[in-house]
Amino acid sequence: MNRREFITFLGGAAAVWPLAAEAQQAAKIPRIGYLTGSLAANPHLPEAFRQGLRDLGYVEGRNLLIEIRSPEGKPERLPALAAELVALKVDVIVAGGTPQALAAKRATSTLPIVFIGVSDPVASGLVTSLARPGGNVTGLSVLGPDLVGKALELLKQAVPGVDRVAALWQPGGLGERTERDILKAAEGAARALGVPLQFVEAWGPADFDRAFSDMTG
């Protein structure tokens, strides 16, 4: 190969390499990290998530990969699970609740995080405001504290003879400030309606039998 042929070869290779890199990027399949709650308590969640994506044209194994992680009733595992998803270099993390979203936020400040089922993302420290979340976190909020009183009012209307209400809740499941606000709002609404309110704790499915026994005892 003479000098001219060698230079021509290098020029051709330089033109091919970017095309090969672009082809590799185009062939990359997006990967979603799904950090959820207890699958034992909610076994339908993974399939419902997959079905929602299929409805939008995203099929797992064809044009999408999904990494599902659950602490299975052990919330202390959430930081490690979130870090695992970050290490897998997923393209986005979907967080199914406040504890999951907080764990994901602590694990990364660059990967996009989309939360669902969060009562108050502002009070929980997930976002700066609802209008302008800022950072790498966004999602859907139900703003629980504002709805507790209305829920009890509707219950009283639906069952006028109710003389006691029990509320099943998971300590730490909503973030400390949100949890405090919800409990305070619930107690205030119950007093206004003249209905005694009993809070019963349950950390996971293993606590359900005891919790319902406490409610009905």
C-alpha atoms as a PDB file:
ATOM      1  CA  MET A   1       0.000   0.000   0.000  1.00  0.00           C
ATOM      2  CA  ASN A   2       1.553   3.331  -1.073  1.00  0.00           C
ATOM      3  CA  ARG A   3       1.236   6.632   0.761  1.00  0.00           C
ATOM      4  CA  ARG A   4      -1.738   7.850  -1.299  1.00  0.00           C
ATOM      5  CA  GLU A   5      -3.626   4.569  -0.815  1.00  0.00           C
ATOM      6  CA  PHE A   6      -2.908   4.654   2.931  1.00  0.00           C
ATOM      7  CA  ILE A   7      -4.258   8.207   3.277  1.00  0.00           C
ATOM      8  CA  THR A   8      -7.330   7.248   1.237  1.00  0.00           C
ATOM      9  CA  PHE A   9      -7.874   4.241   3.536  1.00  0.00           C
ATOM     10  CA  LEU A  10      -7.666   6.423   6.660  1.00  0.00           C
ATOM     11  CA  GLY A  11     -10.129   8.887   5.187  1.00  0.00           C
ATOM     12  CA  GLY A  12     -12.580   6.093   4.412  1.00  0.00           C
ATOM     13  CA  ALA A  13     -12.183   4.603   7.881  1.00  0.00           C
ATOM     14  CA  ALA A  14     -12.780   7.991   9.481  1.00  0.00           C
ATOM     15  CA  ALA A  15     -16.026   8.261   7.535  1.00  0.00           C
ATOM     16  CA  VAL A  16     -17.146   4.738   8.481  1.00  0.00           C
ATOM     17  CA  TRP A  17     -16.428   4.912  12.232  1.00  0.00           C
ATOM     18  CA  PRO A  18     -18.972   7.705  12.997  1.00  0.00           C
ATOM     19  CA  LEU A  19     -21.600   5.809  11.000  1.00  0.00           C
ATOM     20  CA  ALA A  20     -20.888   2.646  12.979  1.00  0.00           C
ATOM     21  CA  ALA A  21     -21.140   4.577  16.258  1.00  0.00           C
ATOM     22  CA  GLU A  22     -24.452   6.111  15.172  1.00  0.00           C
ATOM     23  CA  ALA A  23     -25.769   2.668  14.229  1.00  0.00           C
ATOM     24  CA  GLN A  24     -24.842   1.340  17.672  1.00  0.00           C
ATOM     25  CA  GLN A  25     -26.603   4.256  19.364  1.00  0.00           C
ATOM     26  CA  ALA A  26     -29.681   3.789  17.170  1.00  0.00           C
ATOM     27  CA  ALA A  27     -29.809   0.106  18.109  1.00  0.00           C
ATOM     28  CA  LYS A  28     -29.673   0.776  21.852  1.00  0.00           C
ATOM     29  CA  ILE A  29     -32.820  -0.391  23.639  1.00  0.00           C
ATOM     30  CA  PRO A  30     -34.059   1.959  26.396  1.00  0.00           C
ATOM     31  CA  ARG A  31     -34.007   0.492  29.897  1.00  0.00           C
ATOM     32  CA  ILE A  32     -36.457   1.472  32.639  1.00  0.00           C
ATOM     33  CA  GLY A  33     -35.756   0.910  36.308  1.00  0.00           C
ATOM     34  CA  TYR A  34     -38.970   0.302  38.269  1.00  0.00           C
ATOM     35  CA  LEU A  35     -38.548   0.695  42.030  1.00  0.00           C
ATOM     36  CA  THR A  36     -41.797  -0.438  43.593  1.00  0.00           C
ATOM     37  CA  GLY A  37     -43.264  -1.474  46.925  1.00  0.00           C
ATOM     38  CA  SER A  38     -44.092  -4.970  48.087  1.00  0.00           C
ATOM     39  CA  LEU A  39     -44.928  -7.239  45.160  1.00  0.00           C
ATOM     40  CA  ALA A  40     -46.363  -9.774  47.581  1.00  0.00           C
ATOM     41  CA  ALA A  41     -49.015  -7.221  48.565  1.00  0.00           C
ATOM     42  CA  ASN A  42     -49.468  -5.917  45.004  1.00  0.00           C
ATOM     43  CA  PRO A  43     -48.641  -8.774  42.600  1.00  0.00           C
ATOM     44  CA  HIS A  44     -50.571  -7.089  39.773  1.00  0.00           C
ATOM     45  CA  LEU A  45     -48.296  -4.038  39.576  1.00  0.00           C
ATOM     46  CA  PRO A  46     -45.576  -5.357  37.213  1.00  0.00           C
ATOM     47  CA  GLU A  47     -48.061  -6.628  34.628  1.00  0.00           C
ATOM     48  CA  ALA A  48     -50.172  -3.466  34.871  1.00  0.00           C
ATOM     49  CA  PHE A  49     -47.003  -1.439  34.289  1.00  0.00           C
ATOM     50  CA  ARG A  50     -46.041  -3.561  31.279  1.00  0.00           C
ATOM     51  CA  GLN A  51     -49.566  -3.355  29.861  1.00  0.00           C
ATOM     52  CA  GLY A  52     -49.574   0.422  30.120  1.00  0.00           C
ATOM     53  CA  LEU A  53     -46.308   0.546  28.196  1.00  0.00           C
ATOM     54  CA  ARG A  54     -47.619  -1.901  25.583  1.00  0.00           C
ATOM     55  CA  ASP A  55     -50.612   0.374  25.055  1.00  0.00           C
ATOM     56  CA  LEU A  56     -48.115   3.079  24.108  1.00  0.00           C
ATOM     57  CA  GLY A  57     -46.219   0.796  21.743  1.00  0.00           C
ATOM     58  CA  TYR A  58     -43.384  -0.227  24.079  1.00  0.00           C
ATOM     59  CA  VAL A  59     -42.976  -3.993  24.380  1.00  0.00           C
ATOM     60  CA  GLU A  60     -40.549  -5.490  26.875  1.00  0.00           C
ATOM     61  CA  GLY A  61     -37.830  -7.474  25.142  1.00  0.00           C
ATOM     62  CA  ARG A  62     -38.557  -5.912  21.761  1.00  0.00           C
ATOM     63  CA  ASN A  63     -37.991  -2.180  22.075  1.00  0.00           C
ATOM     64  CA  LEU A  64     -37.728  -1.818  25.839  1.00  0.00           C
ATOM     65  CA  LEU A  65     -36.043  -3.413  28.862  1.00  0.00           C
ATOM     66  CA  ILE A  66     -37.468  -3.237  32.398  1.00  0.00           C
ATOM     67  CA  GLU A  67     -35.544  -3.778  35.623  1.00  0.00           C
ATOM     68  CA  ILE A  68     -37.955  -4.273  38.549  1.00  0.00           C
ATOM     69  CA  ARG A  69     -36.748  -3.996  42.135  1.00  0.00           C
ATOM     70  CA  SER A  70     -38.843  -4.408  45.305  1.00  0.00           C
ATOM     71  CA  PRO A  71     -37.815  -4.308  48.986  1.00  0.00           C
ATOM     72  CA  GLU A  72     -40.518  -6.899  49.788  1.00  0.00           C
ATOM     73  CA  GLY A  73     -41.582  -5.389  53.082  1.00  0.00           C
ATOM     74  CA  LYS A  74     -38.068  -4.298  54.075  1.00  0.00           C
ATOM     75  CA  PRO A  75     -37.872  -0.527  53.411  1.00  0.00           C
ATOM     76  CA  GLU A  76     -34.283  -0.426  54.656  1.00  0.00           C
ATOM     77  CA  ARG A  77     -33.314  -2.177  51.399  1.00  0.00           C
ATOM     78  CA  LEU A  78     -34.527   0.701  49.221  1.00  0.00           C
ATOM     79  CA  PRO A  79     -31.218   2.665  49.143  1.00  0.00           C
ATOM     80  CA  ALA A  80     -29.308  -0.413  47.954  1.00  0.00           C
ATOM     81  CA  LEU A  81     -31.952  -1.234  45.339  1.00  0.00           C
ATOM     82  CA  ALA A  82     -31.937   2.337  44.029  1.00  0.00           C
ATOM     83  CA  ALA A  83     -28.131   2.276  43.835  1.00  0.00           C
ATOM     84  CA  GLU A  84     -28.348  -1.015  41.940  1.00  0.00           C
ATOM     85  CA  LEU A  85     -30.598   0.539  39.296  1.00  0.00           C
ATOM     86  CA  VAL A  86     -28.209   3.470  38.939  1.00  0.00           C
ATOM     87  CA  ALA A  87     -25.288   1.058  38.518  1.00  0.00           C
ATOM     88  CA  LEU A  88     -27.226  -0.724  35.756  1.00  0.00           C
ATOM     89  CA  LYS A  89     -27.303   2.620  33.911  1.00  0.00           C
ATOM     90  CA  VAL A  90     -31.039   2.615  33.330  1.00  0.00           C
ATOM     91  CA  ASP A  91     -32.384   5.524  31.293  1.00  0.00           C
ATOM     92  CA  VAL A  92     -35.091   6.466  33.793  1.00  0.00           C
ATOM     93  CA  ILE A  93     -36.242   5.336  37.239  1.00  0.00           C
ATOM     94  CA  VAL A  94     -39.964   4.984  37.951  1.00  0.00           C
ATOM     95  CA  ALA A  95     -40.598   5.172  41.701  1.00  0.00           C
ATOM     96  CA  GLY A  96     -43.853   3.743  43.042  1.00  0.00           C
ATOM     97  CA  GLY A  97     -44.263   5.764  46.230  1.00  0.00           C
ATOM     98  CA  THR A  98     -42.617   8.336  48.479  1.00  0.00           C
ATOM     99  CA  PRO A  99     -39.966   6.083  50.105  1.00  0.00           C
ATOM    100  CA  GLN A 100     -38.976   4.704  46.700  1.00  0.00           C
ATOM    101  CA  ALA A 101     -38.756   8.179  45.170  1.00  0.00           C
ATOM    102  CA  LEU A 102     -36.658   9.502  48.059  1.00  0.00           C
ATOM    103  CA  ALA A 103     -34.276   6.546  47.793  1.00  0.00           C
ATOM    104  CA  ALA A 104     -33.923   7.116  44.047  1.00  0.00           C
ATOM    105  CA  LYS A 105     -33.300  10.838  44.503  1.00  0.00           C
ATOM    106  CA  ARG A 106     -30.552  10.153  47.031  1.00  0.00           C
ATOM    107  CA  ALA A 107     -28.986   7.624  44.659  1.00  0.00           C
ATOM    108  CA  THR A 108     -28.701   9.928  41.625  1.00  0.00           C
ATOM    109  CA  SER A 109     -28.899  13.597  40.716  1.00  0.00           C
ATOM    110  CA  THR A 110     -28.630  13.004  36.968  1.00  0.00           C
ATOM    111  CA  LEU A 111     -30.916  10.129  35.953  1.00  0.00           C
ATOM    112  CA  PRO A 112     -34.549  11.169  35.367  1.00  0.00           C
ATOM    113  CA  ILE A 113     -36.883   9.995  38.146  1.00  0.00           C
ATOM    114  CA  VAL A 114     -40.659   9.766  37.684  1.00  0.00           C
ATOM    115  CA  PHE A 115     -42.693   9.135  40.837  1.00  0.00           C
ATOM    116  CA  ILE A 116     -46.248   7.833  41.173  1.00  0.00           C
ATOM    117  CA  GLY A 117     -48.464   7.559  44.237  1.00  0.00           C
ATOM    118  CA  VAL A 118     -46.708  10.335  46.175  1.00  0.00           C
ATOM    119  CA  SER A 119     -48.959  12.284  48.525  1.00  0.00           C
ATOM    120  CA  ASP A 120     -47.001  15.529  48.807  1.00  0.00           C
ATOM    121  CA  PRO A 121     -43.759  15.739  46.787  1.00  0.00           C
ATOM    122  CA  VAL A 122     -43.027  19.278  47.978  1.00  0.00           C
ATOM    123  CA  ALA A 123     -43.317  18.501  51.690  1.00  0.00           C
ATOM    124  CA  SER A 124     -41.392  15.265  51.165  1.00  0.00           C
ATOM    125  CA  GLY A 125     -38.497  17.193  49.652  1.00  0.00           C
ATOM    126  CA  LEU A 126     -38.723  15.531  46.248  1.00  0.00           C
ATOM    127  CA  VAL A 127     -39.392  18.721  44.268  1.00  0.00           C
ATOM    128  CA  THR A 128     -39.127  22.456  44.832  1.00  0.00           C
ATOM    129  CA  SER A 129     -42.709  23.144  43.754  1.00  0.00           C
ATOM    130  CA  LEU A 130     -45.483  21.505  41.747  1.00  0.00           C
ATOM    131  CA  ALA A 131     -45.296  24.166  39.031  1.00  0.00           C
ATOM    132  CA  ARG A 132     -41.493  24.008  38.735  1.00  0.00           C
ATOM    133  CA  PRO A 133     -40.179  20.713  40.138  1.00  0.00           C
ATOM    134  CA  GLY A 134     -36.551  21.471  39.268  1.00  0.00           C
ATOM    135  CA  GLY A 135     -33.741  18.931  39.367  1.00  0.00           C
ATOM    136  CA  ASN A 136     -34.185  15.447  37.918  1.00  0.00           C
ATOM    137  CA  VAL A 137     -37.443  14.462  39.664  1.00  0.00           C
ATOM    138  CA  THR A 138     -41.049  14.799  38.493  1.00  0.00           C
ATOM    139  CA  GLY A 139     -44.262  12.780  38.636  1.00  0.00           C
ATOM    140  CA  LEU A 140     -47.864  12.552  39.793  1.00  0.00           C
ATOM    141  CA  SER A 141     -49.139  13.733  43.184  1.00  0.00           C
ATOM    142  CA  VAL A 142     -52.390  13.072  45.031  1.00  0.00           C
ATOM    143  CA  LEU A 143     -51.774  15.632  47.807  1.00  0.00           C
ATOM    144  CA  GLY A 144     -53.176  13.465  50.594  1.00  0.00           C
ATOM    145  CA  PRO A 145     -53.403  16.027  53.447  1.00  0.00           C
ATOM    146  CA  ASP A 146     -55.942  18.130  51.549  1.00  0.00           C
ATOM    147  CA  LEU A 147     -58.180  15.159  50.803  1.00  0.00           C
ATOM    148  CA  VAL A 148     -58.333  13.375  54.158  1.00  0.00           C
ATOM    149  CA  GLY A 149     -61.126  15.519  55.588  1.00  0.00           C
ATOM    150  CA  LYS A 150     -63.211  15.187  52.432  1.00  0.00           C
ATOM    151  CA  ALA A 151     -62.756  11.407  52.425  1.00  0.00           C
ATOM    152  CA  LEU A 152     -64.064  11.125  55.994  1.00  0.00           C
ATOM    153  CA  GLU A 153     -66.942  13.463  55.182  1.00  0.00           C
ATOM    154  CA  LEU A 154     -67.953  11.300  52.205  1.00  0.00           C
ATOM    155  CA  LEU A 155     -67.705   8.178  54.363  1.00  0.00           C
ATOM    156  CA  LYS A 156     -70.019   9.736  56.946  1.00  0.00           C
ATOM    157  CA  GLN A 157     -72.511  10.628  54.205  1.00  0.00           C
ATOM    158  CA  ALA A 158     -72.374   7.149  52.686  1.00  0.00           C
ATOM    159  CA  VAL A 159     -72.722   5.397  56.060  1.00  0.00           C
ATOM    160  CA  PRO A 160     -74.611   7.832  58.336  1.00  0.00           C
ATOM    161  CA  GLY A 161     -74.657   5.386  61.232  1.00  0.00           C
ATOM    162  CA  VAL A 162     -70.888   4.913  61.390  1.00  0.00           C
ATOM    163  CA  ASP A 163     -69.692   5.398  64.964  1.00  0.00           C
ATOM    164  CA  ARG A 164     -66.006   4.485  64.658  1.00  0.00           C
ATOM    165  CA  VAL A 165     -63.444   4.598  61.844  1.00  0.00           C
ATOM    166  CA  ALA A 166     -60.152   2.705  61.662  1.00  0.00           C
ATOM    167  CA  ALA A 167     -57.365   3.823  59.328  1.00  0.00           C
ATOM    168  CA  LEU A 168     -54.713   1.354  58.174  1.00  0.00           C
ATOM    169  CA  TRP A 169     -51.391   3.040  57.486  1.00  0.00           C
ATOM    170  CA  GLN A 170     -47.712   2.253  56.962  1.00  0.00           C
ATOM    171  CA  PRO A 171     -45.402   4.328  59.191  1.00  0.00           C
ATOM    172  CA  GLY A 172     -42.769   6.087  57.125  1.00  0.00           C
ATOM    173  CA  GLY A 173     -44.545   5.331  53.881  1.00  0.00           C
ATOM    174  CA  LEU A 174     -45.289   8.953  52.996  1.00  0.00           C
ATOM    175  CA  GLY A 175     -42.389  10.932  54.368  1.00  0.00           C
ATOM    176  CA  GLU A 176     -42.247  12.382  57.888  1.00  0.00           C
ATOM    177  CA  ARG A 177     -43.792  15.802  57.229  1.00  0.00           C
ATOM    178  CA  THR A 178     -46.540  14.514  54.923  1.00  0.00           C
ATOM    179  CA  GLU A 179     -47.358  11.736  57.359  1.00  0.00           C
ATOM    180  CA  ARG A 180     -47.662  14.196  60.238  1.00  0.00           C
ATOM    181  CA  ASP A 181     -49.896  16.524  58.202  1.00  0.00           C
ATOM    182  CA  ILE A 182     -52.175  13.680  57.095  1.00  0.00           C
ATOM    183  CA  LEU A 183     -52.587  12.332  60.633  1.00  0.00           C
ATOM    184  CA  LYS A 184     -53.304  15.825  61.953  1.00  0.00           C
ATOM    185  CA  ALA A 185     -55.856  16.497  59.198  1.00  0.00           C
ATOM    186  CA  ALA A 186     -57.538  13.139  59.790  1.00  0.00           C
ATOM    187  CA  GLU A 187     -57.820  13.705  63.534  1.00  0.00           C
ATOM    188  CA  GLY A 188     -59.254  17.202  62.998  1.00  0.00           C
ATOM    189  CA  ALA A 189     -61.818  15.985  60.466  1.00  0.00           C
ATOM    190  CA  ALA A 190     -62.855  13.097  62.718  1.00  0.00           C
ATOM    191  CA  ARG A 191     -63.410  15.450  65.665  1.00  0.00           C
ATOM    192  CA  ALA A 192     -65.477  17.803  63.500  1.00  0.00           C
ATOM    193  CA  LEU A 193     -67.664  14.891  62.377  1.00  0.00           C
ATOM    194  CA  GLY A 194     -67.912  13.439  65.879  1.00  0.00           C
ATOM    195  CA  VAL A 195     -66.430  10.106  64.806  1.00  0.00           C
ATOM    196  CA  PRO A 196     -63.681   8.408  66.849  1.00  0.00           C
ATOM    197  CA  LEU A 197     -60.683   7.597  64.650  1.00  0.00           C
ATOM    198  CA  GLN A 198     -58.284   4.712  65.291  1.00  0.00           C
ATOM    199  CA  PHE A 199     -54.914   4.478  63.525  1.00  0.00           C
ATOM    200  CA  VAL A 200     -53.598   0.952  63.017  1.00  0.00           C
ATOM    201  CA  GLU A 201     -50.027   0.410  61.829  1.00  0.00           C
ATOM    202  CA  ALA A 202     -49.019  -2.206  59.248  1.00  0.00           C
ATOM    203  CA  TRP A 203     -45.537  -2.447  57.756  1.00  0.00           C
ATOM    204  CA  GLY A 204     -46.403  -5.135  55.214  1.00  0.00           C
ATOM    205  CA  PRO A 205     -48.607  -8.158  54.400  1.00  0.00           C
ATOM    206  CA  ALA A 206     -47.340 -10.038  57.449  1.00  0.00           C
ATOM    207  CA  ASP A 207     -49.019  -7.417  59.667  1.00  0.00           C
ATOM    208  CA  PHE A 208     -52.460  -7.499  58.035  1.00  0.00           C
ATOM    209  CA  ASP A 209     -54.046 -10.224  60.174  1.00  0.00           C
ATOM    210  CA  ARG A 210     -52.978  -8.525  63.391  1.00  0.00           C
ATOM    211  CA  ALA A 211     -54.012  -5.089  62.088  1.00  0.00           C
ATOM    212  CA  PHE A 212     -57.518  -6.160  61.069  1.00  0.00           C
ATOM    213  CA  SER A 213     -57.892  -7.999  64.355  1.00  0.00           C
ATOM    214  CA  ASP A 214     -57.050  -4.751  66.176  1.00  0.00           C
ATOM    215  CA  MET A 215     -59.610  -2.885  64.073  1.00  0.00           C
ATOM    216  CA  THR A 216     -62.452  -5.264  64.776  1.00  0.00           C
ATOM    217  CA  GLY A 217     -61.522  -6.143  68.337  1.00  0.00           C
END
